[in-house]
Structures are given as structure tokens and as C-alpha cells.
């Protein structure tokens, strides 16, 4: 299974959809010196990656990410919250120990 990690001080972009429409809120994610797992399979918030694109528009904001490793969009199935990261704020690791039987 491919696990995504946010680099230290990565910016997370929450892609909200409310009664007023779509909005983007940004925040610093993680710790200054640590890589934080995003979609680790044993977490209770069940995060999956939806897609990645070079250009994503949401709530009047456009993420031009063609030179930043695309824009990666995830969702928390537990909270139904979508969020994204620029690809250059992520690293990936293939963990062969996590298969569907383990999750």
C-alpha cells in the first residue's frame, strides 16, 4: 500500500463545501521536524486519496501545481472532509506490510 507523508511544515488546504458555497482554508500541517502520515491504514479517520491533477479549482482558488508535483486531494471517510497538498510537500512510501487483509 502506498502511504503518503506530509513533509515538515507542509501546508494543508481544506476544501470545504458549505451552504455559502465552496471555500478553501489553509493551515500548517504537522511538526517542524517530523514527517506525518496522511493515509496510514490503521487510523480511525480512514483517509483515502481521491485524485491528483496539475490544476485544481475550488471555491475561487486555483491550485497551479504542474511544477510542484501536482495537487493531491484526499478525503476522510469518517468526517467527510476533503483536503489537498501540493506534491512537493509530500513523500510516499510503499509499505508491503499493509494489504487489504491487514486493514
N, C-alpha and C. Protein backbone atom coordinates (compact mmCIF):
# COMPACT_ATOMS: atom_id res chain seq x y z
N UNK A 1 0.85 -1.18 0.00
CA UNK A 1 0.00 0.00 0.00
C UNK A 1 0.89 1.24 0.00
N UNK A 2 0.52 2.22 -0.78
CA UNK A 2 1.27 3.48 -0.83
C UNK A 2 0.76 4.40 0.28
N UNK A 3 1.69 4.80 1.14
CA UNK A 3 1.35 5.70 2.24
C UNK A 3 1.98 7.05 1.95
N UNK A 4 1.18 8.10 2.09
CA UNK A 4 1.64 9.47 1.85
C UNK A 4 1.99 10.12 3.18
N UNK A 5 3.10 10.84 3.19
CA UNK A 5 3.56 11.56 4.37
C UNK A 5 3.71 13.04 4.02
N UNK A 6 3.24 13.89 4.91
CA UNK A 6 3.44 15.33 4.74
C UNK A 6 4.82 15.69 5.28
N UNK A 7 5.54 16.49 4.52
CA UNK A 7 6.85 16.96 4.96
C UNK A 7 6.68 17.93 6.12
N UNK A 8 7.73 18.16 6.88
CA UNK A 8 7.64 19.13 7.98
C UNK A 8 7.14 20.50 7.49
N UNK A 9 6.22 21.06 8.25
CA UNK A 9 5.63 22.37 7.96
C UNK A 9 4.91 22.44 6.62
N UNK A 10 4.38 21.33 6.14
CA UNK A 10 3.61 21.33 4.89
C UNK A 10 2.31 22.11 5.11
N UNK A 11 1.80 22.69 4.05
CA UNK A 11 0.52 23.41 4.12
C UNK A 11 -0.58 22.48 3.63
N UNK A 12 -1.63 22.36 4.45
CA UNK A 12 -2.80 21.58 4.11
C UNK A 12 -3.89 22.56 3.68
N UNK A 13 -4.60 22.22 2.62
CA UNK A 13 -5.69 23.05 2.11
C UNK A 13 -7.00 22.29 2.29
N UNK A 14 -7.84 22.78 3.20
CA UNK A 14 -9.15 22.16 3.41
C UNK A 14 -10.09 22.64 2.33
N UNK A 15 -10.72 21.72 1.65
CA UNK A 15 -11.64 22.04 0.55
C UNK A 15 -13.06 21.87 1.07
N UNK A 16 -13.58 22.96 1.63
CA UNK A 16 -14.89 22.93 2.29
C UNK A 16 -16.02 23.22 1.31
N UNK A 17 -17.15 22.61 1.60
CA UNK A 17 -18.37 22.92 0.86
C UNK A 17 -19.47 23.15 1.88
N UNK A 18 -19.93 24.41 1.97
CA UNK A 18 -20.95 24.78 2.94
C UNK A 18 -22.17 25.33 2.21
N UNK A 19 -23.13 25.79 2.98
CA UNK A 19 -24.32 26.40 2.38
C UNK A 19 -23.97 27.64 1.57
N UNK A 20 -22.90 28.33 1.98
CA UNK A 20 -22.47 29.54 1.27
C UNK A 20 -21.68 29.21 0.00
N UNK A 21 -21.32 27.97 -0.19
CA UNK A 21 -20.56 27.56 -1.38
C UNK A 21 -19.24 26.92 -1.00
N UNK A 22 -18.38 26.78 -1.98
CA UNK A 22 -17.07 26.15 -1.77
C UNK A 22 -16.09 27.18 -1.23
N UNK A 23 -15.27 26.73 -0.28
CA UNK A 23 -14.26 27.59 0.34
C UNK A 23 -12.98 26.81 0.55
N UNK A 24 -11.87 27.52 0.60
CA UNK A 24 -10.57 26.92 0.89
C UNK A 24 -10.01 27.56 2.15
N UNK A 25 -9.61 26.72 3.09
CA UNK A 25 -8.92 27.18 4.29
C UNK A 25 -7.56 26.49 4.31
N UNK A 26 -6.54 27.23 4.64
CA UNK A 26 -5.21 26.62 4.68
C UNK A 26 -4.63 26.71 6.08
N UNK A 27 -3.78 25.73 6.38
CA UNK A 27 -3.17 25.63 7.69
C UNK A 27 -1.83 24.92 7.56
N UNK A 28 -0.97 25.10 8.52
CA UNK A 28 0.28 24.33 8.54
C UNK A 28 -0.04 22.98 9.16
N UNK A 29 0.43 21.94 8.51
CA UNK A 29 0.14 20.57 8.94
C UNK A 29 1.41 19.93 9.47
N UNK A 30 1.30 19.33 10.62
CA UNK A 30 2.42 18.55 11.12
C UNK A 30 3.38 19.32 11.99
N UNK A 31 4.50 18.72 12.19
CA UNK A 31 5.53 19.22 13.07
C UNK A 31 6.69 19.80 12.28
N UNK A 32 7.51 20.58 12.94
CA UNK A 32 8.62 21.22 12.27
C UNK A 32 9.68 20.22 11.81
N UNK A 33 9.85 19.12 12.54
CA UNK A 33 10.93 18.18 12.22
C UNK A 33 10.45 16.76 11.91
N UNK A 34 9.15 16.57 11.73
CA UNK A 34 8.63 15.22 11.52
C UNK A 34 7.86 15.11 10.22
N UNK A 35 7.89 13.91 9.65
CA UNK A 35 7.02 13.57 8.54
C UNK A 35 5.76 12.93 9.14
N UNK A 36 4.60 13.43 8.76
CA UNK A 36 3.33 12.97 9.34
C UNK A 36 2.60 12.11 8.32
N UNK A 37 2.22 10.86 8.69
CA UNK A 37 1.47 10.02 7.74
C UNK A 37 0.07 10.57 7.53
N UNK A 38 -0.37 10.55 6.28
CA UNK A 38 -1.70 11.06 5.95
C UNK A 38 -2.72 9.93 5.89
N UNK A 39 -2.40 8.90 5.16
CA UNK A 39 -3.38 7.83 4.93
C UNK A 39 -2.92 6.50 5.53
N UNK A 40 -2.38 6.56 6.72
CA UNK A 40 -1.93 5.33 7.38
C UNK A 40 -3.14 4.43 7.61
N UNK A 41 -3.08 3.18 7.24
CA UNK A 41 -4.29 2.34 7.20
C UNK A 41 -4.92 2.02 8.55
N UNK A 42 -4.21 2.17 9.64
CA UNK A 42 -4.79 1.81 10.93
C UNK A 42 -5.40 2.99 11.67
N UNK A 43 -5.44 4.17 11.06
CA UNK A 43 -6.06 5.32 11.74
C UNK A 43 -7.57 5.18 11.71
N UNK A 44 -8.22 5.80 12.66
CA UNK A 44 -9.68 5.69 12.77
C UNK A 44 -10.42 6.65 11.85
N UNK A 45 -9.72 7.57 11.19
CA UNK A 45 -10.42 8.55 10.35
C UNK A 45 -10.47 8.13 8.88
N UNK A 46 -9.87 7.02 8.53
CA UNK A 46 -9.99 6.40 7.21
C UNK A 46 -9.82 7.41 6.07
N UNK A 47 -8.59 7.75 5.79
CA UNK A 47 -8.29 8.72 4.73
C UNK A 47 -7.86 7.97 3.47
N UNK A 48 -8.45 8.35 2.36
CA UNK A 48 -8.07 7.77 1.07
C UNK A 48 -7.76 8.91 0.11
N UNK A 49 -6.91 8.61 -0.84
CA UNK A 49 -6.59 9.59 -1.88
C UNK A 49 -7.64 9.51 -2.97
N UNK A 50 -8.17 10.66 -3.36
CA UNK A 50 -9.17 10.69 -4.42
C UNK A 50 -8.55 10.85 -5.79
N UNK A 51 -7.68 11.84 -5.93
CA UNK A 51 -7.07 12.09 -7.24
C UNK A 51 -5.92 13.07 -7.11
N UNK A 52 -5.18 13.21 -8.19
CA UNK A 52 -4.17 14.26 -8.29
C UNK A 52 -4.29 14.87 -9.68
N UNK A 53 -4.09 16.18 -9.76
CA UNK A 53 -4.16 16.91 -11.02
C UNK A 53 -3.16 18.05 -10.98
N UNK A 54 -2.77 18.50 -12.16
CA UNK A 54 -1.85 19.64 -12.24
C UNK A 54 -2.55 20.96 -11.91
N UNK A 55 -3.85 21.06 -12.22
CA UNK A 55 -4.62 22.27 -11.91
C UNK A 55 -5.93 21.85 -11.25
N UNK A 56 -6.19 22.42 -10.09
CA UNK A 56 -7.44 22.17 -9.36
C UNK A 56 -8.04 23.51 -8.99
N UNK A 57 -9.33 23.69 -9.25
CA UNK A 57 -10.04 24.91 -8.85
C UNK A 57 -11.08 24.55 -7.81
N UNK A 58 -11.13 25.36 -6.74
CA UNK A 58 -12.09 25.11 -5.66
C UNK A 58 -12.39 26.44 -4.98
N UNK A 59 -13.63 26.81 -4.92
CA UNK A 59 -14.04 28.00 -4.19
C UNK A 59 -13.35 29.27 -4.61
N UNK A 60 -13.14 29.45 -5.89
CA UNK A 60 -12.50 30.65 -6.39
C UNK A 60 -10.98 30.63 -6.31
N UNK A 61 -10.40 29.58 -5.77
CA UNK A 61 -8.95 29.45 -5.70
C UNK A 61 -8.51 28.40 -6.71
N UNK A 62 -7.44 28.70 -7.44
CA UNK A 62 -6.89 27.76 -8.39
C UNK A 62 -5.50 27.35 -7.93
N UNK A 63 -5.29 26.05 -7.86
CA UNK A 63 -4.01 25.48 -7.48
C UNK A 63 -3.29 25.07 -8.76
N UNK A 64 -2.31 25.86 -9.18
CA UNK A 64 -1.49 25.53 -10.35
C UNK A 64 -0.29 24.74 -9.85
N UNK A 65 -0.33 23.45 -10.06
CA UNK A 65 0.66 22.58 -9.44
C UNK A 65 1.49 21.79 -10.45
N UNK A 66 1.50 22.21 -11.69
CA UNK A 66 2.22 21.46 -12.71
C UNK A 66 3.72 21.41 -12.43
N UNK A 67 4.24 22.42 -11.76
CA UNK A 67 5.67 22.43 -11.43
C UNK A 67 5.92 22.07 -9.96
N UNK A 68 4.89 21.56 -9.28
CA UNK A 68 5.01 21.22 -7.86
C UNK A 68 4.59 19.78 -7.57
N UNK A 69 4.62 18.93 -8.59
CA UNK A 69 4.28 17.53 -8.36
C UNK A 69 2.80 17.27 -8.29
N UNK A 70 2.01 18.10 -8.93
CA UNK A 70 0.54 18.00 -8.97
C UNK A 70 -0.07 18.41 -7.63
N UNK A 71 -1.40 18.48 -7.60
CA UNK A 71 -2.14 18.76 -6.38
C UNK A 71 -2.89 17.48 -6.02
N UNK A 72 -2.66 16.96 -4.82
CA UNK A 72 -3.20 15.68 -4.38
C UNK A 72 -4.38 15.93 -3.45
N UNK A 73 -5.53 15.35 -3.77
CA UNK A 73 -6.76 15.54 -2.99
C UNK A 73 -7.10 14.24 -2.27
N UNK A 74 -7.36 14.38 -0.96
CA UNK A 74 -7.71 13.25 -0.09
C UNK A 74 -9.07 13.52 0.53
N UNK A 75 -9.66 12.46 1.10
CA UNK A 75 -10.90 12.61 1.85
C UNK A 75 -10.83 11.74 3.10
N UNK A 76 -11.36 12.27 4.20
CA UNK A 76 -11.54 11.49 5.41
C UNK A 76 -12.95 10.90 5.36
N UNK A 77 -13.03 9.59 5.25
CA UNK A 77 -14.35 8.94 5.17
C UNK A 77 -15.11 9.05 6.48
N UNK A 78 -14.38 9.18 7.57
CA UNK A 78 -15.02 9.28 8.89
C UNK A 78 -15.71 10.63 9.08
N UNK A 79 -15.10 11.71 8.55
CA UNK A 79 -15.64 13.06 8.74
C UNK A 79 -16.18 13.67 7.45
N UNK A 80 -15.97 13.01 6.32
CA UNK A 80 -16.37 13.53 5.02
C UNK A 80 -15.76 14.91 4.75
N UNK A 81 -14.46 15.02 5.04
CA UNK A 81 -13.72 16.26 4.84
C UNK A 81 -12.70 16.03 3.74
N UNK A 82 -12.70 16.92 2.75
CA UNK A 82 -11.71 16.84 1.68
C UNK A 82 -10.60 17.85 1.95
N UNK A 83 -9.38 17.47 1.57
CA UNK A 83 -8.24 18.35 1.74
C UNK A 83 -7.19 17.98 0.71
N UNK A 84 -6.25 18.91 0.51
CA UNK A 84 -5.22 18.67 -0.50
C UNK A 84 -3.86 19.19 -0.08
N UNK A 85 -2.85 18.69 -0.79
CA UNK A 85 -1.46 19.09 -0.61
C UNK A 85 -0.83 19.24 -1.99
N UNK A 86 0.11 20.16 -2.10
CA UNK A 86 0.97 20.17 -3.28
C UNK A 86 1.89 18.96 -3.19
N UNK A 87 2.19 18.38 -4.34
CA UNK A 87 3.02 17.18 -4.38
C UNK A 87 4.40 17.35 -3.81
N UNK A 88 4.96 18.56 -3.90
CA UNK A 88 6.30 18.75 -3.36
C UNK A 88 6.30 18.88 -1.83
N UNK A 89 5.12 18.86 -1.21
CA UNK A 89 5.01 18.82 0.25
C UNK A 89 4.78 17.39 0.75
N UNK A 90 4.82 16.40 -0.16
CA UNK A 90 4.55 15.02 0.19
C UNK A 90 5.72 14.12 -0.18
N UNK A 91 5.84 13.03 0.55
CA UNK A 91 6.68 11.92 0.13
C UNK A 91 5.82 10.66 0.22
N UNK A 92 6.19 9.63 -0.50
CA UNK A 92 5.43 8.38 -0.44
C UNK A 92 6.34 7.24 -0.04
N UNK A 93 5.71 6.24 0.50
CA UNK A 93 6.43 5.03 0.90
C UNK A 93 5.53 3.84 0.61
N UNK A 94 6.08 2.86 -0.07
CA UNK A 94 5.34 1.63 -0.32
C UNK A 94 5.56 0.71 0.87
N UNK A 95 4.50 0.40 1.58
CA UNK A 95 4.60 -0.48 2.74
C UNK A 95 3.96 -1.81 2.40
N UNK A 96 4.78 -2.80 2.20
CA UNK A 96 4.28 -4.11 1.81
C UNK A 96 3.60 -4.83 2.96
N UNK A 97 3.74 -4.34 4.17
CA UNK A 97 3.13 -5.00 5.32
C UNK A 97 1.64 -4.70 5.43
N UNK A 98 1.16 -3.71 4.71
CA UNK A 98 -0.25 -3.37 4.79
C UNK A 98 -0.95 -3.78 3.51
N UNK A 99 -1.70 -4.84 3.61
CA UNK A 99 -2.52 -5.31 2.50
C UNK A 99 -3.97 -5.21 2.94
N UNK A 100 -4.88 -5.51 2.07
CA UNK A 100 -6.30 -5.42 2.43
C UNK A 100 -6.66 -6.33 3.59
N UNK A 101 -5.96 -7.45 3.73
CA UNK A 101 -6.25 -8.36 4.85
C UNK A 101 -5.90 -7.72 6.20
N UNK A 102 -4.93 -6.82 6.20
CA UNK A 102 -4.47 -6.20 7.45
C UNK A 102 -5.34 -5.02 7.87
N UNK A 103 -6.07 -4.45 6.95
CA UNK A 103 -6.81 -3.22 7.24
C UNK A 103 -8.17 -3.55 7.79
